[in-house]
Protein backbone atom coordinates (compact mmCIF):
# COMPACT_ATOMS: atom_id res chain seq x y z
CA MET A 1 -55.53 13.90 139.59
CA GLN A 2 -56.00 10.72 137.62
CA THR A 3 -59.74 11.30 137.47
CA GLN A 4 -59.26 14.88 136.28
CA ALA A 5 -56.84 13.79 133.57
CA ALA A 6 -59.20 11.08 132.41
CA THR A 7 -62.08 13.53 132.05
CA MET A 8 -60.12 16.18 130.13
CA PRO A 9 -61.53 16.75 126.64
CA ALA A 10 -59.62 15.24 123.74
CA THR A 11 -59.03 18.69 122.26
CA ALA A 12 -56.78 19.55 125.15
CA VAL A 13 -54.17 17.03 123.94
CA PRO A 14 -51.89 18.84 121.46
CA ALA A 15 -51.97 17.30 117.99
CA THR A 16 -48.70 16.38 116.30
CA ALA A 17 -47.93 18.93 113.59
CA VAL A 18 -47.58 17.44 110.10
CA LYS A 19 -44.36 18.49 108.46
CA LYS A 20 -44.77 19.90 104.94
CA THR A 21 -43.14 18.19 102.02
CA ASN A 22 -40.55 19.95 99.87
CA ILE A 23 -41.32 18.75 96.36
CA ARG A 24 -41.58 22.40 95.26
CA TRP A 25 -37.79 22.57 95.24
CA VAL A 26 -37.60 19.59 92.89
CA VAL A 27 -40.08 21.31 90.62
CA VAL A 28 -37.95 24.47 90.68
CA ALA A 29 -34.89 22.39 89.82
CA VAL A 30 -36.69 20.81 86.84
CA LEU A 31 -37.86 24.23 85.63
CA PHE A 32 -34.30 25.53 85.94
CA ILE A 33 -32.80 22.65 83.92
CA ILE A 34 -35.47 22.89 81.23
CA THR A 35 -34.90 26.64 80.94
CA ALA A 36 -31.13 26.10 80.76
CA ILE A 37 -31.61 23.55 77.94
CA ASN A 38 -33.93 25.98 76.17
CA TYR A 39 -31.43 28.81 76.27
CA ALA A 40 -28.57 26.49 75.27
CA ASP A 41 -30.61 25.41 72.24
CA ARG A 42 -31.02 29.06 71.30
CA ALA A 43 -27.29 29.70 71.63
CA THR A 44 -26.14 26.79 69.44
CA ILE A 45 -26.54 28.81 66.28
CA SER A 46 -24.26 31.57 67.61
CA LEU A 47 -21.49 29.11 68.41
CA ALA A 48 -21.69 27.79 64.86
CA GLY A 49 -22.14 31.31 63.49
CA PRO A 50 -18.49 32.13 62.62
CA ALA A 51 -18.14 28.81 60.78
CA ILE A 52 -21.44 29.31 58.96
CA ALA A 53 -20.48 32.83 57.87
CA LYS A 54 -17.06 31.70 56.66
CA GLU A 55 -18.10 28.53 54.84
CA LEU A 56 -21.20 30.03 53.20
CA ASN A 57 -19.71 33.52 52.67
CA PHE A 58 -22.45 35.37 54.54
CA ASN A 59 -22.01 39.03 55.51
CA ALA A 60 -23.05 40.60 58.83
CA VAL A 61 -26.50 41.61 57.60
CA THR A 62 -27.28 38.10 56.38
CA MET A 63 -26.09 36.64 59.67
CA GLY A 64 -28.27 39.11 61.54
CA TYR A 65 -31.35 37.81 59.71
CA ILE A 66 -30.27 34.21 60.32
CA PHE A 67 -29.85 34.92 64.05
CA SER A 68 -33.29 36.55 64.08
CA ALA A 69 -34.99 33.57 62.43
CA PHE A 70 -35.60 32.00 65.82
CA GLY A 71 -37.24 35.19 67.02
CA TRP A 72 -39.83 35.45 64.24
CA SER A 73 -41.44 32.09 64.95
CA TYR A 74 -40.91 32.44 68.71
CA VAL A 75 -42.79 35.75 68.90
CA ILE A 76 -45.57 34.61 66.57
CA ALA A 77 -46.19 31.58 68.77
CA GLN A 78 -46.38 33.45 72.07
CA LEU A 79 -50.03 34.45 72.13
CA PRO A 80 -51.29 31.12 70.71
CA GLY A 81 -48.99 29.44 73.26
CA GLY A 82 -50.52 31.44 76.10
CA TRP A 83 -54.00 30.53 74.89
CA LEU A 84 -53.06 26.85 74.74
CA LEU A 85 -51.65 27.00 78.28
CA ASP A 86 -54.87 28.42 79.66
CA ARG A 87 -56.95 25.98 77.54
CA PHE A 88 -55.10 22.67 77.99
CA GLY A 89 -52.83 23.21 81.02
CA SER A 90 -49.15 23.84 81.36
CA LYS A 91 -47.99 20.21 81.82
CA LEU A 92 -49.35 18.96 78.50
CA VAL A 93 -48.45 22.03 76.45
CA TYR A 94 -44.92 22.26 77.83
CA ALA A 95 -44.29 18.56 77.25
CA PHE A 96 -45.20 18.91 73.57
CA SER A 97 -43.19 22.13 73.34
CA ILE A 98 -40.04 20.66 74.87
CA PHE A 99 -40.20 17.64 72.59
CA PHE A 100 -40.73 19.53 69.34
CA TRP A 101 -38.21 22.33 70.00
CA SER A 102 -35.65 19.65 70.80
CA LEU A 103 -36.60 17.66 67.70
CA PHE A 104 -36.08 20.68 65.46
CA THR A 105 -32.80 21.49 67.17
CA LEU A 106 -31.70 17.98 66.24
CA LEU A 107 -32.91 18.48 62.66
CA VAL A 108 -30.81 21.65 62.28
CA GLY A 109 -27.79 19.42 62.90
CA ALA A 110 -29.06 17.04 60.22
CA VAL A 111 -29.14 19.95 57.77
CA GLY A 112 -25.48 20.51 58.64
CA PHE A 113 -24.66 17.00 57.38
CA LEU A 114 -26.41 17.73 54.10
CA THR A 115 -24.63 21.03 53.54
CA GLY A 116 -21.20 19.92 54.65
CA LEU A 117 -21.06 22.07 57.80
CA THR A 118 -18.19 21.28 60.15
CA ALA A 119 -18.67 18.33 62.50
CA VAL A 120 -18.34 20.58 65.56
CA GLY A 121 -21.29 22.67 64.49
CA VAL A 122 -23.41 19.60 63.80
CA LEU A 123 -22.47 17.95 67.19
CA VAL A 124 -23.66 21.01 69.31
CA PHE A 125 -27.11 20.76 67.74
CA ALA A 126 -27.28 16.91 68.02
CA VAL A 127 -26.34 16.76 71.73
CA MET A 128 -28.79 19.49 72.77
CA GLY A 129 -31.62 18.08 70.67
CA VAL A 130 -31.33 14.57 72.16
CA LEU A 131 -30.92 15.95 75.70
CA GLY A 132 -34.10 17.98 75.44
CA MET A 133 -36.15 15.08 74.05
CA LEU A 134 -35.01 12.80 76.88
CA PHE A 135 -35.92 15.42 79.46
CA VAL A 136 -39.59 15.21 78.43
CA LEU A 137 -39.70 12.00 80.50
CA VAL A 138 -38.47 13.83 83.56
CA TRP A 139 -41.01 16.60 82.98
CA ASN A 140 -43.95 14.20 82.78
CA LYS A 141 -42.82 12.38 85.90
CA LEU A 142 -42.25 15.36 88.20
CA ILE A 143 -44.36 18.31 87.04
CA TYR A 144 -47.98 18.67 88.18
CA ASP A 145 -50.34 21.46 89.18
CA PRO A 146 -49.41 22.10 92.88
CA LYS A 147 -52.78 20.95 94.26
CA ASP A 148 -52.60 17.74 92.23
CA HIS A 149 -48.94 16.85 92.82
CA PRO A 150 -48.76 13.29 94.20
CA LEU A 151 -45.61 14.10 96.24
CA ALA A 152 -46.94 17.31 97.83
CA ASN A 153 -49.03 17.19 101.01
CA ALA A 154 -51.69 19.66 102.06
CA GLU A 155 -49.25 21.53 104.30
CA GLU A 156 -46.90 22.30 101.41
CA VAL A 157 -49.76 23.40 99.17
CA ALA A 158 -50.99 25.71 101.93
CA TYR A 159 -47.47 27.05 102.41
CA ILE A 160 -47.22 27.86 98.68
CA GLU A 161 -50.61 29.54 98.67
CA LYS A 162 -49.83 31.55 101.82
CA GLY A 163 -46.69 32.87 100.10
CA GLY A 164 -48.72 34.21 97.20
CA GLY A 165 -48.14 31.34 94.77
CA LEU A 166 -50.84 30.07 92.46
CA VAL A 167 -51.62 26.45 93.41
CA SER A 168 -54.38 25.74 90.86
CA MET A 169 -53.29 27.55 87.75
CA ASP A 170 -54.57 24.81 85.41
CA GLN A 171 -57.85 24.13 87.22
CA LYS A 172 -61.19 25.62 86.24
CA PRO A 173 -64.02 26.37 88.67
CA GLU A 174 -66.46 23.50 88.96
CA GLY A 175 -69.09 23.72 86.24
CA ALA A 176 -67.11 26.19 84.15
CA LYS A 177 -66.61 25.52 80.45
CA LYS A 178 -63.10 24.43 79.56
CA GLU A 179 -62.21 27.03 77.01
CA GLY A 180 -59.43 29.50 76.42
CA PRO A 181 -59.51 33.05 77.82
CA ASP A 182 -61.06 35.96 76.02
CA LEU A 183 -58.28 37.35 73.83
CA LYS A 184 -59.92 40.77 74.08
CA LEU A 185 -58.40 40.94 77.55
CA ILE A 186 -55.07 41.59 75.90
CA GLY A 187 -56.21 45.14 75.26
CA GLN A 188 -56.73 45.71 78.97
CA LEU A 189 -53.23 44.46 79.69
CA LEU A 190 -51.64 46.72 77.09
CA ARG A 191 -53.55 49.79 78.22
CA ASN A 192 -52.33 49.43 81.81
CA ARG A 193 -49.47 51.89 82.38
CA MET A 194 -47.67 49.70 84.89
CA LEU A 195 -47.77 46.69 82.57
CA ALA A 196 -46.80 48.76 79.54
CA GLY A 197 -43.69 49.91 81.38
CA ILE A 198 -42.90 46.33 82.39
CA TYR A 199 -43.33 45.13 78.80
CA ILE A 200 -41.05 47.81 77.35
CA ALA A 201 -38.43 47.13 80.00
CA GLN A 202 -38.64 43.38 79.24
CA TYR A 203 -37.94 44.12 75.58
CA CYS A 204 -34.86 46.10 76.54
CA ILE A 205 -33.55 43.54 79.04
CA ASN A 206 -34.00 40.79 76.46
CA ALA A 207 -31.97 42.82 73.97
CA LEU A 208 -28.99 42.19 76.26
CA THR A 209 -29.80 38.48 76.33
CA TYR A 210 -30.03 38.19 72.57
CA PHE A 211 -26.74 40.00 72.01
CA PHE A 212 -25.02 37.43 74.15
CA ILE A 213 -26.72 34.37 72.64
CA THR A 214 -26.32 35.51 69.03
CA TRP A 215 -23.52 37.96 68.26
CA PHE A 216 -21.22 37.61 71.27
CA PRO A 217 -19.22 34.58 70.02
CA VAL A 218 -18.93 36.27 66.60
CA TYR A 219 -17.67 39.44 68.38
CA LEU A 220 -14.96 37.41 70.08
CA VAL A 221 -13.85 35.84 66.82
CA LYS A 222 -14.13 38.82 64.48
CA GLU A 223 -13.33 41.75 66.79
CA LYS A 224 -10.98 40.11 69.30
CA HIS A 225 -9.50 37.51 66.91
CA MET A 226 -10.09 34.48 69.09
CA THR A 227 -10.36 30.97 67.60
CA ILE A 228 -13.85 29.51 67.46
CA LEU A 229 -12.90 26.97 70.12
CA LYS A 230 -11.54 29.64 72.47
CA ALA A 231 -14.54 31.87 71.80
CA GLY A 232 -16.83 29.01 72.83
CA PHE A 233 -15.09 28.65 76.19
CA VAL A 234 -14.87 32.40 76.75
CA ALA A 235 -18.57 32.85 75.90
CA ALA A 236 -19.38 30.50 78.74
CA ILE A 237 -17.89 32.90 81.31
CA PRO A 238 -20.53 35.66 80.98
CA ALA A 239 -23.19 32.93 80.86
CA VAL A 240 -22.05 31.57 84.25
CA CYS A 241 -21.88 35.10 85.62
CA GLY A 242 -25.42 35.72 84.30
CA PHE A 243 -26.63 32.64 86.15
CA LEU A 244 -24.96 33.80 89.39
CA GLY A 245 -26.40 37.26 88.91
CA GLY A 246 -29.85 35.81 88.39
CA VAL A 247 -29.65 33.89 91.66
CA LEU A 248 -28.33 36.95 93.49
CA GLY A 249 -31.06 39.19 92.07
CA GLY A 250 -33.73 36.86 93.41
CA ILE A 251 -31.98 36.63 96.81
CA ILE A 252 -31.73 40.40 97.06
CA SER A 253 -35.37 40.88 96.11
CA ASP A 254 -36.62 38.32 98.62
CA ALA A 255 -34.33 39.69 101.34
CA LEU A 256 -35.78 43.18 100.84
CA LEU A 257 -39.30 41.80 101.14
CA LYS A 258 -38.43 39.99 104.37
CA ARG A 259 -36.98 43.20 105.79
CA GLY A 260 -40.33 44.91 105.31
CA TYR A 261 -39.70 46.87 102.10
CA SER A 262 -42.53 47.19 99.63
CA LEU A 263 -42.89 44.87 96.64
CA SER A 264 -42.02 47.77 94.33
CA VAL A 265 -38.73 48.49 96.14
CA ALA A 266 -37.84 44.81 96.36
CA ARG A 267 -38.28 44.27 92.63
CA LYS A 268 -37.04 47.55 91.27
CA THR A 269 -33.82 47.77 93.31
CA PRO A 270 -32.05 44.73 91.73
CA ILE A 271 -33.46 45.55 88.28
CA VAL A 272 -32.08 49.09 88.30
CA ALA A 273 -28.77 48.08 89.86
CA GLY A 274 -28.39 45.21 87.39
CA MET A 275 -29.06 47.34 84.37
CA LEU A 276 -26.49 49.89 85.54
CA LEU A 277 -23.92 47.10 85.69
CA SER A 278 -24.96 45.92 82.21
CA MET A 279 -24.07 49.27 80.73
CA THR A 280 -20.40 48.59 81.56
CA MET A 281 -20.14 46.53 78.34
CA VAL A 282 -19.56 49.79 76.49
CA ALA A 283 -16.16 49.96 78.22
CA CYS A 284 -15.03 47.11 75.91
CA ASN A 285 -14.79 49.75 73.16
CA TYR A 286 -11.92 51.36 75.04
CA VAL A 287 -9.81 48.36 76.09
CA ASP A 288 -7.69 45.94 74.04
CA ALA A 289 -6.60 43.29 76.54
CA GLU A 290 -8.60 40.05 76.32
CA SER A 291 -8.80 39.85 80.09
CA ALA A 292 -10.36 43.30 80.28
CA VAL A 293 -12.90 42.47 77.60
CA ILE A 294 -13.84 39.24 79.36
CA PHE A 295 -14.13 41.11 82.70
CA PHE A 296 -16.47 43.83 81.41
CA MET A 297 -18.61 41.37 79.43
CA ALA A 298 -18.88 39.09 82.42
CA LEU A 299 -19.79 42.05 84.62
CA ALA A 300 -22.38 43.20 82.11
CA PHE A 301 -24.06 39.81 81.89
CA PHE A 302 -23.87 39.40 85.67
CA GLY A 303 -25.78 42.67 85.92
CA LYS A 304 -28.25 41.47 83.34
CA GLY A 305 -28.83 38.41 85.52
CA VAL A 306 -29.34 40.49 88.64
CA GLY A 307 -31.88 42.63 86.84
CA ALA A 308 -33.72 39.83 85.04
CA LEU A 309 -36.74 39.78 87.31
CA GLY A 310 -39.32 40.27 84.60
CA TRP A 311 -41.03 36.94 85.26
CA ALA A 312 -41.07 37.56 88.99
CA VAL A 313 -42.76 40.90 88.32
CA ASN A 314 -45.19 39.16 85.98
CA SER A 315 -46.11 36.69 88.74
CA ASP A 316 -46.73 39.68 91.02
CA THR A 317 -48.95 41.53 88.51
CA ALA A 318 -50.66 38.98 86.24
CA PRO A 319 -54.46 38.68 86.63
CA LYS A 320 -55.01 35.26 88.21
CA GLN A 321 -57.61 34.09 85.71
CA ILE A 322 -55.32 34.62 82.67
CA ALA A 323 -51.88 33.83 84.05
CA GLY A 324 -50.85 31.99 80.88
CA LEU A 325 -52.05 34.69 78.52
CA SER A 326 -50.52 37.44 80.63
CA GLY A 327 -47.16 35.67 80.54
CA ALA A 328 -47.51 35.27 76.81
CA VAL A 329 -48.01 39.03 76.33
CA LEU A 330 -44.92 39.70 78.44
CA ASN A 331 -42.94 37.20 76.42
CA THR A 332 -44.23 38.53 73.11
CA CYS A 333 -43.22 42.10 73.90
CA GLY A 334 -39.94 41.04 75.47
CA ASN A 335 -38.91 38.75 72.65
CA LEU A 336 -39.56 41.20 69.88
CA SER A 337 -35.95 42.05 70.65
CA SER A 338 -34.98 38.55 69.47
CA ILE A 339 -35.94 39.80 66.01
CA THR A 340 -34.75 43.39 66.10
CA THR A 341 -31.49 43.05 68.05
CA PRO A 342 -29.65 40.59 65.77
CA ILE A 343 -30.75 42.43 62.63
CA ALA A 344 -29.90 45.91 64.02
CA ILE A 345 -26.45 44.73 65.11
CA GLY A 346 -25.87 43.15 61.71
CA TYR A 347 -26.55 46.45 59.96
CA ILE A 348 -24.40 48.38 62.44
CA ILE A 349 -21.46 46.05 61.89
CA GLU A 350 -21.87 46.05 58.12
CA SER A 351 -22.04 49.85 57.93
CA THR A 352 -19.28 50.72 60.45
CA GLY A 353 -17.00 47.74 60.13
CA SER A 354 -16.80 47.19 63.90
CA PHE A 355 -18.80 46.21 66.98
CA ASN A 356 -18.34 49.54 68.78
CA GLY A 357 -21.70 50.92 67.76
CA ALA A 358 -23.34 47.58 68.50
CA LEU A 359 -22.17 47.67 72.12
CA VAL A 360 -23.51 51.20 72.53
CA TYR A 361 -26.80 50.09 70.97
CA VAL A 362 -27.16 47.22 73.44
CA GLY A 363 -26.03 49.30 76.44
CA ALA A 364 -28.64 51.95 75.59
CA HIS A 365 -31.36 49.31 76.06
CA ALA A 366 -30.25 48.82 79.66
CA PHE A 367 -30.65 52.56 80.23
CA VAL A 368 -34.17 52.56 78.78
CA ALA A 369 -35.12 49.62 81.08
CA ILE A 370 -33.98 51.73 84.08
CA VAL A 371 -36.12 54.66 82.92
CA CYS A 372 -39.18 52.42 82.58
CA TYR A 373 -38.96 51.00 86.08
CA LEU A 374 -38.15 54.34 87.72
CA PHE A 375 -40.59 56.59 85.89
CA VAL A 376 -43.27 54.53 84.12
CA VAL A 377 -44.10 51.38 86.09
CA GLY A 378 -45.01 53.03 89.37
CA LYS A 379 -46.35 50.80 92.16
CA ILE A 380 -46.04 47.08 91.40
CA GLN A 381 -49.33 45.31 92.22
CA ARG A 382 -51.61 42.63 90.82
CA VAL A 383 -53.92 43.76 88.05
CA THR A 384 -57.65 43.17 88.43
CA LEU A 385 -59.58 42.75 85.22
CA LYS A 386 -62.72 44.77 84.70
């Protein structure tokens, strides 16, 4: 027996399995925090909106254009941003982006000092600007392309790749020229029926987002007669519900995939259900109690969170060689609503004297998003460029 054991080939001895690292969850956490800071920066103007309108005597139309100012530059920068991502890599481009958007958020607060804006309005801008600039250090320390991450072992990279994730988004094939993608490929993306439906739906879903991060605090102050301080606290309730809805939407989608449902069913089910819930905001036109208004708005934004799977769908459909540019096209189309929604609501309020029509306008966007995913998008699958 001893002789037999001694002559057994080495391959017969089972190797110890190497346990995969879990740095991907740290990366997800960093991405979540950065995104939260980004959206908080966008919302600072809405919290200061009632004070700005009162102190500078701006009407609803003027405030609509002010709220849309972010959207103009944001949309214009999308395609160049996507090109830069594919040209220079996401770590570098995002680091510069985080720093400069935070710097300009801080400078908005400085403008407040020069114009005599209330200290509260200035302090929201200052805190968020400094926080974002400091977080650049965290970004540079923890974010890498998956294959290059110093804290990820080969087993974790293989696990990500097996699950369909892109592990070398910023890497070029050996010998390839380091240049941006052919912008003519945008035409192929826009001519694809599935992607067109996704882009239109993203525009509609984002209309809900931009109502909440621009006009919602003003709605609470002007329509429901809350103080600015109370409106700030109340506005946080739908935001929290939106976050919870976003988590739940992802859980539902992944659970459906694990149960064997198709990718199309797994993505469309939470999107359609979430948009149906979002339409309940129209019920606020028929209730007076503050608690009822808060409930329906929270329910609506919770639904918006559940249905906000546009980026998940983009990761499922984007051509691998132009992931940055594809995301930029989605974001460009989706964030056109950051321009149109604040302005349209401003005109509705100015012409009707109330927010009733504005809530119907926003709720209708949720309905159009449902139509897109049910009747336009079709089968969700990755696009192959010709």
